[in-house]
Amino acid sequence: MKNKYFGTDGIRGTVNQGNITGEKFFKFGLASGTYFKNQKKSKQVAIIAKDTRLSGYTLEPALVSGLVSGGMHVFTLGPLPTNGLAMLTKSMRANMGIMITASHNPYHDNGLKLFGPDGMKLSDQIEKKIEKLIDAKNTTQLTNPKLLGRVKRLENGNDKYIEILRKNFPKNFHLRGTKIVLDCANGAAYKAAPKLLKELGAKVISIGVKPNGFNINDKCGSMHPSKIRSAVRKFKAHVGISFDGDADRIIMCDEKGKIIDGDQIIAMLARRWKSKKLLKGGVIGTLMSNYGLEIFLKDEKIKFFRSKVGDRYVKEKMKKFNFNLGGEQSGHIILGKFATTGDGLMVALEVLFSLRKKKQSSKLLNVFKSLPQILENIVVKDKNVISKIKCENAIKKANKLMGNKGRVLVRKSGTEPKIRIMAESYDKSLILKCIKIIKRSIKN
């Protein structure tokens, strides 16, 4: 059965509408706090981080109020990348962590991502249990006045996160002599990323590090990689690095100005880790992973399986098969050796560690030939439109037309009111024809 509140990646929507209101966030805090408080008796602690949206100032107090009303003590960290929150949830031995973010969405959206004490995103089963608590009467969850939680602000969250990241690399690792264009999307990594790269000795040209509450993901970040492409060419940088609003995605650019997506980064890491005997099992991709990646990994004799779209589904499958590398074309990449969820800054460090002697990112990052792929996002009022007969017939027609010359994938976005149509083939005219057939049926 479909979740009532949770989507592919937490809860998300337009601020002051539907589920993204102060009233709802109080309930989310109370319900999630009640669930995790019952799982761990010794300590009742939640930690909260956020990205840079103005609406965070209205939603965070409501969330804190719900948690404290249920007897949970709360530490607030301010702007911090999502995996930083996940790492600190685990290292601080908290009951739970909550990231207030709408990731790559525009400023007018917001939401939250929940993490358990192990720093992992929640399973569908746990989300359903929390949803029942959200809809239950609050009076059963409100604590005795003597047992109300306390709230404390921690100012050193980014420093703690940087410290954890640095421990994963040799003490003598440095980036002196490396020029990097860095785009933080005016989001959660605007403090941690430039600070860490400069500490390692890199010359950093920073973009998207002046958040004003409204400019997160606005014509910058991983959703707009042309920004780093222009800057890499202008400043003759060795590499460009671009994150999204909560820095769980990374898109890169080589010194020649070619955009490098998540699939290419995964291919590079898989080959390197295999040669260093660091790769465990194989690689998990998603339904959206380019077929060229699948062919490359097969040639390299590396196992490859696909999961549903969403980094938590990638992580679940990595856990199932005991793999330590997985991710998405969009730039969600999970380094199982280091992280429990996508971490743009961690992946950037791993790539830069490989690059430090070569200096030519084009030779390192262009690993396989991608199959031409086109993705179209169609805004809809009702995402169930693809279940209607006219749409189903159009999808069948497109698949029949594509045959064995490529792939067609149609799915509902888990985070936005959109239908995503993806087609890939060496025949571009065939891709466009298939997309047109499906697109027309949705619009009609």
Protein backbone atom coordinates (compact mmCIF):
# COMPACT_ATOMS: atom_id res chain seq x y z
CA MET A 1 0.00 0.00 0.00
CA LYS A 2 1.26 3.49 -0.88
CA ASN A 3 2.56 5.66 1.97
CA LYS A 4 0.33 8.56 3.00
CA TYR A 5 3.05 11.08 3.83
CA PHE A 6 6.42 9.65 2.78
CA GLY A 7 7.56 9.66 -0.85
CA THR A 8 10.67 8.26 -2.53
CA ASP A 9 12.94 10.34 -0.31
CA GLY A 10 11.19 11.50 2.84
CA ILE A 11 8.36 14.02 2.93
CA ARG A 12 8.36 16.89 0.45
CA GLY A 13 6.08 19.55 -0.99
CA THR A 14 5.26 23.25 -1.31
CA VAL A 15 5.66 25.30 1.86
CA ASN A 16 2.44 26.27 3.68
CA GLN A 17 0.46 23.76 1.65
CA GLY A 18 -0.54 20.14 2.28
CA ASN A 19 2.00 18.42 4.52
CA ILE A 20 4.55 21.23 4.65
CA THR A 21 3.05 23.40 7.39
CA GLY A 22 4.06 24.14 10.98
CA GLU A 23 1.05 22.18 12.25
CA LYS A 24 2.06 19.07 10.29
CA PHE A 25 5.73 19.36 11.26
CA PHE A 26 4.73 19.42 14.93
CA LYS A 27 2.93 16.11 14.33
CA PHE A 28 5.88 14.71 12.36
CA GLY A 29 8.21 15.58 15.24
CA LEU A 30 5.92 14.15 17.89
CA ALA A 31 5.23 10.92 15.95
CA SER A 32 8.82 10.20 14.86
CA GLY A 33 10.13 11.09 18.33
CA THR A 34 7.60 8.73 19.92
CA TYR A 35 8.58 5.89 17.59
CA PHE A 36 12.34 6.22 18.15
CA LYS A 37 12.01 6.95 21.86
CA ASN A 38 10.35 3.56 22.22
CA GLN A 39 13.20 1.83 20.35
CA LYS A 40 15.99 2.99 22.65
CA LYS A 41 15.39 3.43 26.37
CA SER A 42 18.75 4.71 27.65
CA LYS A 43 18.86 8.09 25.91
CA GLN A 44 16.25 10.23 24.18
CA VAL A 45 18.09 12.45 21.68
CA ALA A 46 17.24 13.74 18.20
CA ILE A 47 19.54 15.89 16.08
CA ILE A 48 18.27 18.25 13.39
CA ALA A 49 20.08 19.86 10.46
CA LYS A 50 18.72 21.79 7.48
CA ASP A 51 19.57 23.38 4.17
CA THR A 52 19.35 27.13 3.54
CA ARG A 53 15.68 27.67 2.62
CA LEU A 54 13.95 30.57 4.37
CA SER A 55 11.10 28.21 5.29
CA GLY A 56 13.50 26.24 7.49
CA TYR A 57 13.06 28.99 10.09
CA THR A 58 9.33 28.24 10.32
CA LEU A 59 9.43 24.44 10.04
CA GLU A 60 12.35 23.74 12.38
CA PRO A 61 10.71 25.27 15.51
CA ALA A 62 7.52 23.30 14.83
CA LEU A 63 9.49 20.07 14.44
CA VAL A 64 11.49 20.80 17.61
CA SER A 65 8.28 21.54 19.50
CA GLY A 66 6.81 18.17 18.50
CA LEU A 67 9.95 16.28 19.53
CA VAL A 68 10.29 18.07 22.88
CA SER A 69 6.57 17.64 23.62
CA GLY A 70 7.08 13.89 23.27
CA GLY A 71 10.04 13.91 25.70
CA MET A 72 12.90 13.93 23.18
CA HIS A 73 16.00 16.10 23.78
CA VAL A 74 17.06 17.96 20.63
CA PHE A 75 20.36 19.26 19.24
CA THR A 76 20.03 21.65 16.28
CA LEU A 77 23.00 21.92 13.92
CA GLY A 78 21.95 24.54 11.36
CA PRO A 79 22.94 24.18 7.66
CA LEU A 80 24.77 20.89 7.09
CA PRO A 81 24.90 18.37 4.19
CA THR A 82 22.47 15.48 4.53
CA ASN A 83 25.14 12.81 5.00
CA GLY A 84 26.81 15.01 7.60
CA LEU A 85 23.57 14.74 9.56
CA ALA A 86 23.51 10.96 8.99
CA MET A 87 27.13 10.60 10.13
CA LEU A 88 26.60 12.69 13.27
CA THR A 89 23.40 10.82 14.14
CA LYS A 90 25.51 7.68 14.32
CA SER A 91 28.65 9.17 15.92
CA MET A 92 26.65 11.06 18.59
CA ARG A 93 24.63 7.89 19.29
CA ALA A 94 21.36 9.76 18.87
CA ASN A 95 18.02 7.98 18.60
CA MET A 96 17.30 9.68 15.30
CA GLY A 97 18.31 12.41 12.88
CA ILE A 98 16.10 14.72 10.83
CA MET A 99 17.24 16.72 7.81
CA ILE A 100 14.94 19.60 6.86
CA THR A 101 15.35 19.88 3.09
CA ALA A 102 13.72 19.56 -0.30
CA SER A 103 17.07 18.55 -1.82
CA HIS A 104 17.28 19.68 -5.49
CA ASN A 105 13.80 21.29 -5.53
CA PRO A 106 13.36 25.10 -5.73
CA TYR A 107 13.18 27.31 -2.61
CA HIS A 108 9.38 27.27 -2.35
CA ASP A 109 9.45 23.54 -1.53
CA ASN A 110 10.67 21.97 1.68
CA GLY A 111 10.43 18.68 3.53
CA LEU A 112 12.34 16.28 5.71
CA LYS A 113 14.46 13.14 5.57
CA LEU A 114 14.52 10.82 8.58
CA PHE A 115 17.45 8.70 9.76
CA GLY A 116 17.59 5.98 12.38
CA PRO A 117 20.33 5.59 15.05
CA ASP A 118 22.48 3.70 12.51
CA GLY A 119 22.49 6.74 10.19
CA MET A 120 20.34 4.86 7.66
CA LYS A 121 17.20 6.14 5.94
CA LEU A 122 14.05 4.42 7.10
CA SER A 123 12.48 1.37 5.50
CA ASP A 124 8.94 1.48 4.10
CA GLN A 125 7.81 -0.59 7.10
CA ILE A 126 9.11 1.92 9.67
CA GLU A 127 7.68 4.84 7.66
CA LYS A 128 4.25 3.16 7.79
CA LYS A 129 4.51 2.78 11.58
CA ILE A 130 5.39 6.47 11.95
CA GLU A 131 2.49 7.41 9.64
CA LYS A 132 0.10 5.59 12.00
CA LEU A 133 1.49 7.64 14.89
CA ILE A 134 1.08 10.86 12.87
CA ASP A 135 -2.62 10.14 12.42
CA ALA A 136 -3.13 8.96 16.03
CA LYS A 137 -4.45 11.30 18.75
CA ASN A 138 -1.61 13.51 19.99
CA THR A 139 -2.69 13.19 23.62
CA THR A 140 -1.43 9.60 23.75
CA GLN A 141 2.08 10.75 22.77
CA LEU A 142 2.44 13.99 24.75
CA THR A 143 4.72 13.53 27.74
CA ASN A 144 4.39 14.54 31.38
CA PRO A 145 5.48 18.21 31.89
CA LYS A 146 8.37 17.01 34.10
CA LEU A 147 9.68 14.87 31.22
CA LEU A 148 9.70 17.50 28.46
CA GLY A 149 12.87 17.48 26.32
CA ARG A 150 15.50 20.20 26.22
CA VAL A 151 16.93 21.98 23.16
CA LYS A 152 20.54 22.98 22.49
CA ARG A 153 22.19 24.51 19.44
CA LEU A 154 25.53 22.99 18.36
CA GLU A 155 27.69 25.39 16.36
CA ASN A 156 30.41 22.89 15.40
CA GLY A 157 28.38 20.46 13.27
CA ASN A 158 30.28 21.27 10.06
CA ASP A 159 33.64 20.91 11.82
CA LYS A 160 32.65 17.50 13.20
CA TYR A 161 31.51 16.42 9.73
CA ILE A 162 34.79 17.59 8.13
CA GLU A 163 36.75 15.75 10.81
CA ILE A 164 34.93 12.48 10.01
CA LEU A 165 35.53 12.94 6.25
CA ARG A 166 39.25 13.60 6.69
CA LYS A 167 39.73 10.48 8.81
CA ASN A 168 38.84 8.36 5.77
CA PHE A 169 41.98 9.45 3.91
CA PRO A 170 45.72 9.30 4.67
CA LYS A 171 47.05 12.13 6.85
CA ASN A 172 49.39 13.24 4.05
CA PHE A 173 46.56 13.60 1.51
CA HIS A 174 46.59 17.12 0.06
CA LEU A 175 45.31 19.00 -3.00
CA ARG A 176 48.08 21.55 -3.39
CA GLY A 177 48.45 22.53 -7.04
CA THR A 178 44.84 21.55 -7.88
CA LYS A 179 42.47 24.25 -9.11
CA ILE A 180 38.80 23.44 -8.46
CA VAL A 181 35.59 25.19 -9.44
CA LEU A 182 33.06 24.44 -6.69
CA ASP A 183 29.31 25.10 -6.94
CA CYS A 184 27.42 24.58 -3.66
CA ALA A 185 23.98 25.52 -5.08
CA ASN A 186 23.59 28.14 -2.30
CA GLY A 187 22.69 25.13 -0.20
CA ALA A 188 23.72 23.02 2.77
CA ALA A 189 27.38 22.54 1.76
CA TYR A 190 28.19 26.25 1.41
CA LYS A 191 30.28 26.22 4.60
CA ALA A 192 31.77 22.71 4.78
CA ALA A 193 32.83 22.14 1.15
CA PRO A 194 34.95 25.28 0.49
CA LYS A 195 36.49 25.05 3.97
CA LEU A 196 37.56 21.41 3.58
CA LEU A 197 38.98 21.78 0.06
CA LYS A 198 40.93 24.89 1.06
CA GLU A 199 42.25 23.13 4.17
CA LEU A 200 43.58 20.41 1.86
CA GLY A 201 45.48 23.04 -0.12
CA ALA A 202 43.34 23.36 -3.26
CA LYS A 203 42.81 26.66 -5.03
CA VAL A 204 39.00 26.95 -4.94
CA ILE A 205 36.81 29.15 -7.13
CA SER A 206 33.49 29.10 -5.28
CA ILE A 207 30.03 29.56 -6.79
CA GLY A 208 26.71 29.30 -4.99
CA VAL A 209 28.05 30.03 -1.50
CA LYS A 210 25.90 33.07 -0.71
CA PRO A 211 22.49 31.71 0.29
CA ASN A 212 19.72 34.24 0.89
CA GLY A 213 16.85 31.86 1.62
CA PHE A 214 15.50 32.01 -1.92
CA ASN A 215 18.43 31.22 -4.26
CA ILE A 216 19.00 27.55 -3.37
CA ASN A 217 19.31 25.52 -6.62
CA ASP A 218 18.44 28.68 -8.59
CA LYS A 219 20.33 28.44 -11.90
CA CYS A 220 23.21 26.83 -10.03
CA GLY A 221 24.26 23.52 -8.51
CA SER A 222 24.02 20.01 -9.92
CA MET A 223 20.73 20.78 -11.68
CA HIS A 224 22.50 23.47 -13.75
CA PRO A 225 25.98 22.07 -14.51
CA SER A 226 26.52 24.59 -17.32
CA LYS A 227 27.53 26.98 -14.53
CA ILE A 228 30.62 24.95 -13.59
CA ARG A 229 31.36 24.21 -17.25
CA SER A 230 31.67 27.94 -18.00
CA ALA A 231 33.73 28.59 -14.87
CA VAL A 232 36.10 25.64 -15.48
CA ARG A 233 36.85 26.98 -18.95
CA LYS A 234 37.15 30.58 -17.77
CA PHE A 235 39.55 29.84 -14.88
CA LYS A 236 41.32 26.89 -16.59
CA ALA A 237 40.54 24.66 -13.62
CA HIS A 238 41.53 21.01 -13.33
CA VAL A 239 37.99 19.95 -12.40
CA GLY A 240 34.53 21.28 -11.55
CA ILE A 241 32.36 20.00 -8.69
CA SER A 242 28.67 20.75 -8.33
CA PHE A 243 26.28 19.78 -5.50
CA ASP A 244 22.53 20.09 -5.06
CA GLY A 245 20.70 21.86 -2.22
CA ASP A 246 21.42 19.30 0.49
CA ALA A 247 24.71 18.08 -1.08
CA ASP A 248 23.72 14.43 -1.41
CA ARG A 249 24.24 14.69 -5.20
CA ILE A 250 27.36 15.45 -7.20
CA ILE A 251 27.84 16.28 -10.87
CA MET A 252 31.35 17.04 -12.14
CA CYS A 253 33.07 18.66 -15.11
CA ASP A 254 36.46 17.75 -16.58
CA GLU A 255 39.14 20.29 -17.56
CA LYS A 256 37.85 20.30 -21.15
CA GLY A 257 34.36 21.35 -20.07
CA LYS A 258 32.62 17.98 -20.44
CA ILE A 259 29.90 17.31 -17.86
CA ILE A 260 30.44 14.08 -15.90
CA ASP A 261 27.30 12.46 -14.48
CA GLY A 262 26.87 9.95 -11.67
CA ASP A 263 27.16 6.92 -13.97
CA GLN A 264 30.64 7.95 -15.16
CA ILE A 265 31.78 8.63 -11.59
CA ILE A 266 30.48 5.22 -10.48
CA ALA A 267 32.29 3.51 -13.39
CA MET A 268 35.57 5.23 -12.49
CA LEU A 269 35.27 4.30 -8.82
CA ALA A 270 34.26 0.70 -9.60
CA ARG A 271 37.30 0.16 -11.84
CA ARG A 272 39.69 1.82 -9.39
CA TRP A 273 38.29 0.03 -6.34
CA LYS A 274 38.46 -3.30 -8.15
CA SER A 275 42.13 -2.75 -9.05
CA LYS A 276 42.88 -1.80 -5.42
CA LYS A 277 40.85 -4.77 -4.13
CA LEU A 278 38.48 -2.36 -2.35
CA LEU A 279 35.34 -3.25 -4.32
CA LYS A 280 33.03 -5.55 -2.43
CA GLY A 281 30.71 -7.72 -4.55
CA GLY A 282 29.78 -5.30 -7.32
CA VAL A 283 27.71 -2.21 -8.12
CA ILE A 284 24.07 -1.30 -7.60
CA GLY A 285 22.55 1.13 -10.12
CA THR A 286 18.91 2.05 -10.75
CA LEU A 287 16.35 1.73 -13.51
CA MET A 288 17.72 5.07 -14.80
CA SER A 289 21.38 3.99 -15.01
CA ASN A 290 22.73 4.26 -18.54
CA TYR A 291 22.94 0.98 -20.43
CA GLY A 292 26.51 1.94 -21.35
CA LEU A 293 27.42 1.60 -17.65
CA GLU A 294 25.94 -1.88 -17.56
CA ILE A 295 27.96 -2.93 -20.63
CA PHE A 296 31.17 -1.43 -19.18
CA LEU A 297 30.79 -3.23 -15.84
CA LYS A 298 30.05 -6.50 -17.64
CA ASP A 299 33.27 -6.10 -19.67
CA GLU A 300 35.15 -5.39 -16.43
CA LYS A 301 33.63 -8.56 -14.91
CA ILE A 302 31.93 -6.51 -12.19
CA LYS A 303 28.46 -7.58 -11.06
CA PHE A 304 25.71 -5.04 -11.66
CA PHE A 305 22.11 -4.98 -10.42
CA ARG A 306 19.41 -2.33 -10.73
CA SER A 307 17.15 -1.04 -7.95
CA LYS A 308 14.15 1.28 -7.92
CA VAL A 309 15.00 4.98 -8.28
CA GLY A 310 16.00 6.58 -4.98
CA ASP A 311 19.23 6.29 -3.03
CA ARG A 312 17.59 4.51 -0.09
CA TYR A 313 16.52 1.71 -2.48
CA VAL A 314 20.09 1.58 -3.79
CA LYS A 315 21.35 1.30 -0.19
CA GLU A 316 18.82 -1.43 0.65
CA LYS A 317 20.00 -3.49 -2.32
CA MET A 318 23.65 -2.84 -1.47
CA LYS A 319 22.94 -4.19 1.99
CA LYS A 320 21.07 -7.21 0.60
CA PHE A 321 23.94 -8.25 -1.72
CA ASN A 322 26.72 -6.96 0.57
CA PHE A 323 28.02 -4.54 -2.10
CA ASN A 324 29.88 -1.36 -1.13
CA LEU A 325 29.28 0.86 -4.19
CA GLY A 326 26.05 2.08 -5.71
CA GLY A 327 24.26 5.13 -6.97
CA GLU A 328 22.29 7.02 -9.55
CA GLN A 329 22.99 8.88 -12.76
CA SER A 330 21.66 12.02 -11.04
CA GLY A 331 24.72 11.99 -8.77
CA HIS A 332 23.42 10.21 -5.66
CA ILE A 333 26.41 7.96 -5.03
CA ILE A 334 26.83 5.81 -1.92
CA LEU A 335 30.31 4.76 -0.88
CA GLY A 336 29.35 1.90 1.41
CA LYS A 337 32.78 1.85 3.00
CA PHE A 338 32.26 5.40 4.31
CA ALA A 339 28.61 6.48 4.16
CA THR A 340 25.02 5.35 4.64
CA THR A 341 23.51 7.71 2.06
CA GLY A 342 24.54 9.89 -0.88
CA ASP A 343 27.34 12.31 0.00
CA GLY A 344 28.54 14.71 -2.70
CA LEU A 345 31.53 15.96 -0.71
CA MET A 346 32.71 12.46 0.21
CA VAL A 347 32.50 11.34 -3.44
CA ALA A 348 34.34 14.50 -4.51
CA LEU A 349 37.18 13.68 -2.12
CA GLU A 350 37.40 10.10 -3.39
CA VAL A 351 37.63 11.35 -7.00
CA LEU A 352 40.15 14.06 -6.08
CA PHE A 353 42.25 11.48 -4.24
CA SER A 354 42.42 9.52 -7.51
CA LEU A 355 43.10 12.68 -9.52
CA ARG A 356 45.86 14.16 -7.36
CA LYS A 357 48.74 12.74 -9.44
CA LYS A 358 47.13 12.87 -12.90
CA LYS A 359 45.73 16.43 -13.01
CA GLN A 360 43.78 15.57 -16.19
CA SER A 361 40.26 14.79 -15.07
CA SER A 362 39.19 14.06 -18.66
CA LYS A 363 41.41 10.95 -18.68
CA LEU A 364 40.15 9.78 -15.29
CA LEU A 365 36.43 10.46 -15.59
CA ASN A 366 35.43 9.53 -19.16
CA VAL A 367 35.31 5.79 -18.58
CA PHE A 368 32.68 4.40 -20.95
CA LYS A 369 30.63 5.47 -23.96
CA SER A 370 27.15 6.44 -22.82
CA LEU A 371 24.15 5.32 -24.81
CA PRO A 372 22.33 8.48 -25.98
CA GLN A 373 19.62 9.06 -23.39
CA ILE A 374 16.86 11.67 -23.18
CA LEU A 375 14.83 12.38 -20.06
CA GLU A 376 11.68 14.50 -20.18
CA ASN A 377 9.78 15.65 -17.09
CA ILE A 378 6.09 16.44 -17.57
CA VAL A 379 4.25 18.41 -14.90
CA VAL A 380 0.88 16.81 -14.12
CA LYS A 381 -1.99 17.36 -11.69
CA ASP A 382 -2.42 13.62 -11.12
CA LYS A 383 0.55 11.28 -11.37
CA ASN A 384 -1.81 8.31 -11.73
CA VAL A 385 -2.41 9.43 -15.32
CA ILE A 386 0.14 6.81 -16.45
CA SER A 387 -2.19 4.07 -15.16
CA LYS A 388 -4.96 5.11 -17.55
CA ILE A 389 -5.58 2.86 -20.56
CA LYS A 390 -4.64 5.50 -23.16
CA CYS A 391 -1.26 6.02 -21.46
CA GLU A 392 -0.64 2.31 -20.94
CA ASN A 393 -1.32 1.65 -24.63
CA ALA A 394 1.05 4.47 -25.64
CA ILE A 395 3.81 3.04 -23.41
CA LYS A 396 3.29 -0.42 -24.96
CA LYS A 397 3.43 1.11 -28.45
CA ALA A 398 6.68 2.96 -27.64
CA ASN A 399 8.27 -0.19 -26.18
CA LYS A 400 7.28 -2.20 -29.24
CA LEU A 401 8.73 0.47 -31.51
CA MET A 402 11.99 0.54 -29.52
CA GLY A 403 12.26 -3.27 -29.59
CA ASN A 404 15.79 -4.44 -28.83
CA LYS A 405 17.36 -1.16 -29.96
CA GLY A 406 17.26 0.44 -26.51
CA ARG A 407 15.07 1.10 -23.45
CA VAL A 408 11.97 3.11 -22.55
CA LEU A 409 11.12 3.87 -18.92
CA VAL A 410 8.10 5.83 -17.65
CA ARG A 411 7.68 6.50 -13.93
CA LYS A 412 6.13 8.84 -11.41
CA SER A 413 8.48 11.24 -9.65
CA GLY A 414 8.65 10.41 -5.96
CA THR A 415 9.37 14.02 -5.00
CA GLU A 416 7.55 16.28 -7.48
CA PRO A 417 4.20 16.41 -9.38
CA LYS A 418 5.86 15.07 -12.53
CA ILE A 419 5.93 12.05 -14.84
CA ARG A 420 9.46 11.20 -15.95
CA ILE A 421 9.94 9.68 -19.43
CA MET A 422 13.35 8.25 -20.24
CA ALA A 423 14.42 6.62 -23.50
CA GLU A 424 17.87 5.51 -24.61
CA SER A 425 19.16 4.17 -27.91
CA TYR A 426 21.95 4.80 -30.43
CA ASP A 427 19.12 5.97 -32.74
CA LYS A 428 18.23 9.48 -31.51
CA SER A 429 15.26 9.85 -33.88
CA LEU A 430 13.80 6.65 -32.39
CA ILE A 431 14.23 8.06 -28.86
CA LEU A 432 12.38 11.27 -29.80
CA LYS A 433 9.59 9.32 -31.53
CA CYS A 434 9.00 7.07 -28.50
CA ILE A 435 8.98 10.01 -26.08
CA LYS A 436 6.56 11.93 -28.31
CA ILE A 437 4.07 9.02 -28.35
CA ILE A 438 4.02 8.79 -24.53
CA LYS A 439 4.10 12.55 -23.97
CA ARG A 440 1.10 13.08 -26.23
CA SER A 441 -0.94 10.47 -24.36
CA ILE A 442 -0.17 12.09 -20.98
CA LYS A 443 -1.06 15.60 -22.18
CA ASN A 444 -4.29 14.37 -23.73
